[in-house]
């Protein structure tokens, strides 16, 4: 029997670019790019998980919005239930764990190696014309 994990991931967009981070060496799917987030603790809501994970990994504060996509993927050793939620960044990301952080265009998402569980979402994001969340609206002229 494989382990079952619930994961929450943030879709944070700024000026047409989405925030992605690269998984570190020594972890499951090392070297893959992903949307920031992590495993939900027992009894923790998806929103609580994202707030905690983004603070721990990126010293970042976010406002969590609606869930936009959910998928389940079975790897050889685990089953992942993955929830993607729109978030608004309240601060800049700072990598606390040494991971790479970048703001990627939708087109660029197709050139980065993401985990298989993210494939359908990546396709949807690349096909969409409108931003998921544009946190720079207050700065527009």
Protein backbone atom coordinates (compact mmCIF):
# COMPACT_ATOMS: atom_id res chain seq x y z
CA UNK A 1 0.00 0.00 0.00
CA UNK A 2 1.32 3.44 -0.89
CA UNK A 3 1.39 6.45 1.40
CA UNK A 4 -1.32 9.05 0.72
CA UNK A 5 -0.38 12.72 1.04
CA UNK A 6 -2.48 15.89 0.82
CA UNK A 7 -0.52 18.82 -0.62
CA UNK A 8 -1.49 22.49 -1.01
CA UNK A 9 0.29 24.62 -3.63
CA UNK A 10 0.10 28.37 -4.23
CA UNK A 11 -0.55 30.00 -7.59
CA UNK A 12 0.96 33.46 -7.13
CA UNK A 13 1.14 35.65 -10.21
CA UNK A 14 2.75 39.02 -10.73
CA UNK A 15 2.87 40.90 -14.03
CA UNK A 16 2.13 37.75 -16.01
CA UNK A 17 4.72 35.61 -14.20
CA UNK A 18 4.04 32.77 -11.76
CA UNK A 19 6.17 32.05 -8.71
CA UNK A 20 7.91 28.67 -8.88
CA UNK A 21 10.60 27.03 -6.78
CA UNK A 22 13.01 24.19 -7.50
CA UNK A 23 13.04 21.06 -5.35
CA UNK A 24 16.34 20.53 -3.58
CA UNK A 25 18.69 17.54 -3.93
CA UNK A 26 17.85 14.57 -1.73
CA UNK A 27 14.06 15.01 -1.74
CA UNK A 28 11.34 13.28 -3.76
CA UNK A 29 11.43 14.63 -7.35
CA UNK A 30 14.66 16.56 -6.69
CA UNK A 31 15.48 19.18 -9.31
CA UNK A 32 11.87 19.56 -10.48
CA UNK A 33 10.19 22.94 -10.46
CA UNK A 34 6.98 23.30 -8.49
CA UNK A 35 4.50 25.83 -7.24
CA UNK A 36 5.38 26.62 -3.62
CA UNK A 37 3.53 24.84 -0.86
CA UNK A 38 3.76 21.53 0.90
CA UNK A 39 2.19 18.66 2.83
CA UNK A 40 -0.81 19.40 4.99
CA UNK A 41 -0.51 18.39 8.63
CA UNK A 42 -3.32 16.38 10.23
CA UNK A 43 -6.31 18.62 10.93
CA UNK A 44 -4.82 21.53 8.97
CA UNK A 45 -6.87 23.28 6.28
CA UNK A 46 -5.41 23.89 2.83
CA UNK A 47 -5.20 27.62 3.56
CA UNK A 48 -3.49 27.07 6.92
CA UNK A 49 -1.02 24.72 5.23
CA UNK A 50 -0.11 27.29 2.56
CA UNK A 51 0.36 30.10 5.07
CA UNK A 52 2.63 27.89 7.21
CA UNK A 53 4.64 26.41 4.32
CA UNK A 54 5.25 29.76 2.60
CA UNK A 55 6.39 31.30 5.88
CA UNK A 56 8.72 28.37 6.61
CA UNK A 57 10.21 28.00 3.13
CA UNK A 58 10.07 31.51 1.65
CA UNK A 59 9.54 33.85 4.66
CA UNK A 60 6.54 34.99 2.66
CA UNK A 61 3.15 36.19 3.81
CA UNK A 62 0.18 35.45 1.55
CA UNK A 63 -3.56 35.91 1.41
CA UNK A 64 -5.08 32.60 0.31
CA UNK A 65 -7.92 32.71 -2.19
CA UNK A 66 -10.00 30.17 -4.04
CA UNK A 67 -8.99 26.68 -5.06
CA UNK A 68 -8.59 26.57 -8.84
CA UNK A 69 -7.50 23.00 -9.57
CA UNK A 70 -7.26 19.63 -7.82
CA UNK A 71 -5.66 16.45 -9.04
CA UNK A 72 -4.55 13.11 -7.67
CA UNK A 73 -1.44 11.35 -8.91
CA UNK A 74 0.01 7.99 -7.91
CA UNK A 75 3.78 7.67 -7.90
CA UNK A 76 5.55 4.35 -7.23
CA UNK A 77 5.81 5.06 -3.50
CA UNK A 78 3.01 7.54 -2.75
CA UNK A 79 -0.35 8.90 -3.81
CA UNK A 80 -0.55 12.70 -3.87
CA UNK A 81 -3.79 14.66 -3.65
CA UNK A 82 -2.70 18.07 -4.90
CA UNK A 83 -4.74 21.26 -4.39
CA UNK A 84 -3.77 24.50 -6.18
CA UNK A 85 -5.07 27.73 -4.66
CA UNK A 86 -4.81 31.31 -5.87
CA UNK A 87 -2.78 33.42 -3.46
CA UNK A 88 -1.80 37.06 -3.23
CA UNK A 89 1.73 37.81 -2.05
CA UNK A 90 1.91 40.26 0.84
CA UNK A 91 5.73 40.19 0.86
CA UNK A 92 8.62 39.16 -1.36
CA UNK A 93 9.80 35.53 -1.40
CA UNK A 94 13.17 34.84 0.23
CA UNK A 95 14.45 31.27 -0.06
CA UNK A 96 15.20 29.99 3.46
CA UNK A 97 16.24 26.51 2.39
CA UNK A 98 18.60 27.44 -0.44
CA UNK A 99 16.11 26.49 -3.15
CA UNK A 100 15.97 28.33 -6.48
CA UNK A 101 13.08 30.77 -6.79
CA UNK A 102 11.90 32.35 -10.03
CA UNK A 103 9.00 34.16 -11.61
CA UNK A 104 8.19 32.23 -14.81
CA UNK A 105 6.01 33.29 -17.73
CA UNK A 106 3.24 30.93 -18.76
CA UNK A 107 5.19 30.04 -21.91
CA UNK A 108 8.30 29.33 -19.83
CA UNK A 109 6.36 26.83 -17.70
CA UNK A 110 6.44 24.46 -20.68
CA UNK A 111 10.25 24.53 -20.75
CA UNK A 112 10.71 23.69 -17.06
CA UNK A 113 10.63 20.17 -15.64
CA UNK A 114 7.64 19.85 -13.29
CA UNK A 115 6.42 16.73 -11.46
CA UNK A 116 4.02 14.57 -13.50
CA UNK A 117 1.17 15.53 -11.14
CA UNK A 118 1.41 19.15 -12.38
CA UNK A 119 1.16 18.42 -16.14
CA UNK A 120 -2.56 19.10 -16.57
CA UNK A 121 -2.39 22.37 -14.63
CA UNK A 122 0.68 23.52 -16.59
CA UNK A 123 -1.22 22.89 -19.84
CA UNK A 124 -4.20 24.88 -18.58
CA UNK A 125 -2.04 27.80 -17.43
CA UNK A 126 -0.18 27.93 -20.74
CA UNK A 127 -3.50 27.96 -22.64
CA UNK A 128 -5.09 30.71 -20.53
CA UNK A 129 -4.72 34.29 -21.65
CA UNK A 130 -5.57 36.02 -18.37
CA UNK A 131 -3.43 36.12 -15.23
CA UNK A 132 -4.39 33.86 -12.33
CA UNK A 133 -3.81 36.68 -9.85
CA UNK A 134 -2.16 40.01 -10.63
CA UNK A 135 -0.80 41.41 -7.39
CA UNK A 136 0.57 44.54 -9.06
CA UNK A 137 -2.80 46.10 -9.94
CA UNK A 138 -2.41 48.72 -7.22
CA UNK A 139 0.87 49.83 -8.84
CA UNK A 140 -0.52 50.12 -12.39
CA UNK A 141 -0.55 53.56 -13.94
